[in-house]
């Protein structure tokens, strides 16, 4: 079985990082809105929307070979 290339590793890491940022932004948004900090809550919500749109525009991940 061959090891993934550097580009594949970077792409995988980037997708993981983007997913983590999306989760953190949504969590921060909810917490700040519950604390009635409207500016921070809305800003985190907008960040979450931006991360979501970026993730949707990424091409699908390449399937891994079964060999």
N, C-alpha and C. Protein backbone atom coordinates (compact mmCIF):
# COMPACT_ATOMS: atom_id res chain seq x y z
N UNK A 1 0.85 -1.18 0.00
CA UNK A 1 0.00 0.00 0.00
C UNK A 1 0.89 1.24 0.00
N UNK A 2 0.62 2.18 -0.88
CA UNK A 2 1.45 3.37 -0.98
C UNK A 2 0.97 4.46 -0.02
N UNK A 3 1.92 5.27 0.40
CA UNK A 3 1.58 6.37 1.31
C UNK A 3 1.03 7.54 0.50
N UNK A 4 0.15 8.35 1.12
CA UNK A 4 -0.39 9.50 0.39
C UNK A 4 0.70 10.54 0.14
N UNK A 5 0.56 11.26 -0.96
CA UNK A 5 1.55 12.29 -1.30
C UNK A 5 1.40 13.49 -0.38
N UNK A 6 2.37 14.38 -0.45
CA UNK A 6 2.35 15.59 0.37
C UNK A 6 1.13 16.44 0.04
N UNK A 7 0.79 16.54 -1.22
CA UNK A 7 -0.37 17.34 -1.63
C UNK A 7 -1.66 16.76 -1.06
N UNK A 8 -1.78 15.43 -1.06
CA UNK A 8 -2.97 14.79 -0.51
C UNK A 8 -3.05 15.02 1.00
N UNK A 9 -1.91 14.97 1.67
CA UNK A 9 -1.90 15.21 3.11
C UNK A 9 -2.30 16.64 3.43
N UNK A 10 -1.77 17.60 2.66
CA UNK A 10 -2.10 19.00 2.88
C UNK A 10 -3.58 19.26 2.62
N UNK A 11 -4.12 18.64 1.57
CA UNK A 11 -5.54 18.81 1.28
C UNK A 11 -6.39 18.24 2.41
N UNK A 12 -6.02 17.07 2.89
CA UNK A 12 -6.76 16.45 3.99
C UNK A 12 -6.68 17.30 5.26
N UNK A 13 -5.50 17.81 5.55
CA UNK A 13 -5.31 18.66 6.72
C UNK A 13 -6.09 19.96 6.58
N UNK A 14 -6.10 20.53 5.38
CA UNK A 14 -6.85 21.76 5.13
C UNK A 14 -8.34 21.56 5.31
N UNK A 15 -8.85 20.44 4.81
CA UNK A 15 -10.28 20.16 4.98
C UNK A 15 -10.63 19.97 6.45
N UNK A 16 -9.74 19.28 7.18
CA UNK A 16 -9.96 19.09 8.61
C UNK A 16 -9.96 20.43 9.34
N UNK A 17 -8.99 21.29 9.00
CA UNK A 17 -8.89 22.60 9.63
C UNK A 17 -10.11 23.46 9.34
N UNK A 18 -10.59 23.43 8.10
CA UNK A 18 -11.78 24.20 7.75
C UNK A 18 -13.00 23.70 8.51
N UNK A 19 -13.13 22.39 8.63
CA UNK A 19 -14.25 21.82 9.39
C UNK A 19 -14.17 22.23 10.86
N UNK A 20 -12.95 22.23 11.41
CA UNK A 20 -12.76 22.63 12.81
C UNK A 20 -13.12 24.11 13.00
N UNK A 21 -12.69 24.96 12.07
CA UNK A 21 -13.03 26.38 12.16
C UNK A 21 -14.53 26.60 12.09
N UNK A 22 -15.20 25.83 11.25
CA UNK A 22 -16.66 25.96 11.12
C UNK A 22 -17.35 25.59 12.42
N UNK A 23 -16.90 24.51 13.05
CA UNK A 23 -17.50 24.07 14.31
C UNK A 23 -17.24 25.09 15.42
N UNK A 24 -16.02 25.61 15.48
CA UNK A 24 -15.68 26.60 16.50
C UNK A 24 -16.49 27.87 16.30
N UNK A 25 -16.62 28.33 15.06
CA UNK A 25 -17.37 29.56 14.79
C UNK A 25 -18.84 29.42 15.18
N UNK A 26 -19.44 28.28 14.88
CA UNK A 26 -20.84 28.10 15.24
C UNK A 26 -21.02 28.02 16.76
N UNK A 27 -20.09 27.37 17.44
CA UNK A 27 -20.16 27.28 18.89
C UNK A 27 -20.00 28.65 19.54
N UNK A 28 -19.02 29.41 19.07
CA UNK A 28 -18.80 30.76 19.61
C UNK A 28 -20.02 31.63 19.36
N UNK A 29 -20.61 31.51 18.18
CA UNK A 29 -21.79 32.31 17.86
C UNK A 29 -22.94 32.01 18.83
N UNK A 30 -23.19 30.75 19.06
CA UNK A 30 -24.28 30.38 19.97
C UNK A 30 -24.00 30.87 21.38
N UNK A 31 -22.79 30.66 21.86
CA UNK A 31 -22.44 31.07 23.23
C UNK A 31 -22.56 32.58 23.39
N UNK A 32 -22.03 33.32 22.43
CA UNK A 32 -22.08 34.78 22.52
C UNK A 32 -23.51 35.31 22.43
N UNK A 33 -24.32 34.72 21.60
CA UNK A 33 -25.72 35.16 21.52
C UNK A 33 -26.47 34.83 22.80
N UNK A 34 -26.16 33.69 23.42
CA UNK A 34 -26.79 33.37 24.70
C UNK A 34 -26.35 34.32 25.81
N UNK A 35 -25.14 34.86 25.70
CA UNK A 35 -24.64 35.83 26.67
C UNK A 35 -25.11 37.24 26.33
N UNK A 36 -25.91 37.39 25.28
CA UNK A 36 -26.43 38.67 24.80
C UNK A 36 -25.33 39.61 24.31
N UNK A 37 -24.24 39.05 23.81
CA UNK A 37 -23.20 39.84 23.17
C UNK A 37 -23.46 39.77 21.67
N UNK A 38 -24.33 40.67 21.21
CA UNK A 38 -24.85 40.58 19.86
C UNK A 38 -23.78 40.77 18.79
N UNK A 39 -22.87 41.70 19.01
CA UNK A 39 -21.85 41.98 18.00
C UNK A 39 -20.97 40.76 17.76
N UNK A 40 -20.44 40.19 18.83
CA UNK A 40 -19.58 39.01 18.70
C UNK A 40 -20.35 37.81 18.17
N UNK A 41 -21.59 37.64 18.61
CA UNK A 41 -22.40 36.52 18.15
C UNK A 41 -22.70 36.59 16.66
N UNK A 42 -23.04 37.79 16.20
CA UNK A 42 -23.34 37.96 14.77
C UNK A 42 -22.07 37.81 13.95
N UNK A 43 -20.96 38.36 14.44
CA UNK A 43 -19.69 38.24 13.72
C UNK A 43 -19.28 36.77 13.59
N UNK A 44 -19.42 36.01 14.66
CA UNK A 44 -19.08 34.59 14.60
C UNK A 44 -20.05 33.84 13.68
N UNK A 45 -21.30 34.25 13.66
CA UNK A 45 -22.27 33.64 12.75
C UNK A 45 -21.93 33.90 11.29
N UNK A 46 -21.49 35.12 11.00
CA UNK A 46 -21.07 35.45 9.63
C UNK A 46 -19.83 34.65 9.26
N UNK A 47 -18.89 34.51 10.20
CA UNK A 47 -17.69 33.70 9.94
C UNK A 47 -18.09 32.26 9.64
N UNK A 48 -19.04 31.73 10.39
CA UNK A 48 -19.52 30.37 10.15
C UNK A 48 -20.10 30.25 8.74
N UNK A 49 -20.89 31.24 8.32
CA UNK A 49 -21.45 31.20 6.97
C UNK A 49 -20.37 31.25 5.90
N UNK A 50 -19.34 32.06 6.12
CA UNK A 50 -18.24 32.14 5.15
C UNK A 50 -17.52 30.80 5.06
N UNK A 51 -17.20 30.19 6.22
CA UNK A 51 -16.53 28.89 6.21
C UNK A 51 -17.40 27.84 5.54
N UNK A 52 -18.69 27.89 5.75
CA UNK A 52 -19.61 26.94 5.13
C UNK A 52 -19.59 27.08 3.61
N UNK A 53 -19.62 28.33 3.11
CA UNK A 53 -19.60 28.55 1.67
C UNK A 53 -18.28 28.10 1.05
N UNK A 54 -17.17 28.35 1.74
CA UNK A 54 -15.87 27.92 1.23
C UNK A 54 -15.83 26.40 1.15
N UNK A 55 -16.33 25.74 2.18
CA UNK A 55 -16.32 24.27 2.18
C UNK A 55 -17.19 23.71 1.07
N UNK A 56 -18.30 24.34 0.80
CA UNK A 56 -19.18 23.86 -0.28
C UNK A 56 -18.58 24.06 -1.66
N UNK A 57 -17.73 25.06 -1.82
CA UNK A 57 -17.13 25.34 -3.13
C UNK A 57 -15.91 24.48 -3.41
N UNK A 58 -15.39 23.78 -2.41
CA UNK A 58 -14.25 22.90 -2.64
C UNK A 58 -14.66 21.73 -3.52
N UNK A 59 -13.76 21.29 -4.39
CA UNK A 59 -14.08 20.10 -5.18
C UNK A 59 -14.14 18.88 -4.26
N UNK A 60 -14.89 17.87 -4.66
CA UNK A 60 -14.96 16.66 -3.81
C UNK A 60 -13.60 16.04 -3.62
N UNK A 61 -13.42 15.43 -2.46
CA UNK A 61 -12.16 14.78 -2.16
C UNK A 61 -11.96 13.59 -3.10
N UNK A 62 -10.73 13.39 -3.50
CA UNK A 62 -10.41 12.27 -4.39
C UNK A 62 -10.61 10.95 -3.64
N UNK A 63 -11.25 9.97 -4.28
CA UNK A 63 -11.43 8.68 -3.60
C UNK A 63 -10.09 7.99 -3.39
N UNK A 64 -9.97 7.28 -2.27
CA UNK A 64 -8.73 6.56 -1.98
C UNK A 64 -8.74 5.22 -2.71
N UNK A 65 -7.60 4.83 -3.25
CA UNK A 65 -7.56 3.53 -3.94
C UNK A 65 -7.71 2.38 -2.94
N UNK A 66 -8.33 1.30 -3.40
CA UNK A 66 -8.56 0.14 -2.54
C UNK A 66 -7.42 -0.86 -2.54
N UNK A 67 -6.36 -0.59 -3.28
CA UNK A 67 -5.24 -1.53 -3.40
C UNK A 67 -4.48 -1.66 -2.11
